[in-house]
Protein backbone atom coordinates (compact mmCIF):
# COMPACT_ATOMS: atom_id res chain seq x y z
CA MET A 1 0.02 0.01 0.03
CA ASP A 2 2.89 2.28 0.58
CA VAL A 3 3.92 1.97 -3.08
CA LEU A 4 0.55 3.08 -4.22
CA ASN A 5 0.49 6.09 -1.83
CA GLU A 6 3.93 7.14 -3.08
CA ILE A 7 2.82 6.83 -6.75
CA TYR A 8 -0.18 8.96 -5.94
CA GLN A 9 1.84 11.64 -4.23
CA LYS A 10 4.52 11.88 -6.97
CA SER A 11 2.20 11.87 -10.01
CA ALA A 12 -0.60 13.96 -11.30
CA LEU A 13 -3.08 11.76 -9.45
CA GLY A 14 -2.11 13.35 -6.14
CA ILE A 15 -4.62 16.18 -6.51
CA LEU A 16 -7.61 14.03 -7.51
CA PRO A 17 -10.27 12.73 -5.01
CA GLU A 18 -9.94 9.14 -3.73
CA PRO A 19 -12.82 7.72 -5.81
CA ILE A 20 -11.24 8.87 -9.12
CA LYS A 21 -7.85 7.56 -8.06
CA SER A 22 -9.37 4.21 -7.43
CA PHE A 23 -11.18 4.24 -10.81
CA ILE A 24 -8.00 5.22 -12.71
CA LEU A 25 -6.15 2.40 -10.95
CA PHE A 26 -8.97 -0.10 -11.83
CA ILE A 27 -8.82 1.01 -15.49
CA PHE A 28 -5.10 0.69 -15.60
CA SER A 29 -5.31 -2.82 -13.99
CA ALA A 30 -8.03 -3.93 -16.38
CA ILE A 31 -5.94 -2.92 -19.40
CA VAL A 32 -2.88 -4.74 -18.02
CA ILE A 33 -4.92 -7.88 -17.35
CA LEU A 34 -6.41 -7.62 -20.87
CA LEU A 35 -3.01 -7.27 -22.48
CA ALA A 36 -1.67 -10.28 -20.47
CA THR A 37 -4.69 -12.40 -21.50
CA MET A 38 -4.22 -11.43 -25.18
CA LEU A 39 -0.52 -12.34 -24.97
CA TYR A 40 -1.40 -15.71 -23.38
CA VAL A 41 -3.98 -16.45 -26.09
CA LEU A 42 -1.57 -15.50 -28.84
CA LEU A 43 1.22 -17.66 -27.49
CA LYS A 44 -1.03 -20.64 -26.75
CA HIS A 45 -3.05 -20.58 -29.91
CA GLY A 46 -0.86 -18.46 -32.23
CA LEU A 47 0.09 -21.28 -34.47
CA TYR A 48 -3.56 -22.13 -35.34
CA LEU A 49 -4.84 -18.60 -35.78
CA ASN A 50 -5.32 -17.07 -39.17
CA ILE A 51 -3.82 -13.60 -38.70
CA GLN A 52 -3.87 -11.42 -41.74
CA PHE A 53 -2.42 -7.91 -42.02
CA GLY A 54 -3.37 -5.42 -44.75
CA TYR A 55 -6.62 -4.57 -46.41
């Protein structure tokens, strides 16, 4: 918890109210979890996926 408080104090989040800080932290965590899940799926099933780039 000390790490989160230090991040809050030394960033632009320090001036925001507590509910907004929690919401921003939730959004950040959700994005990180989504990216980790996408990486797992890509590594696990990447050989069998039909990925096309271009138009």
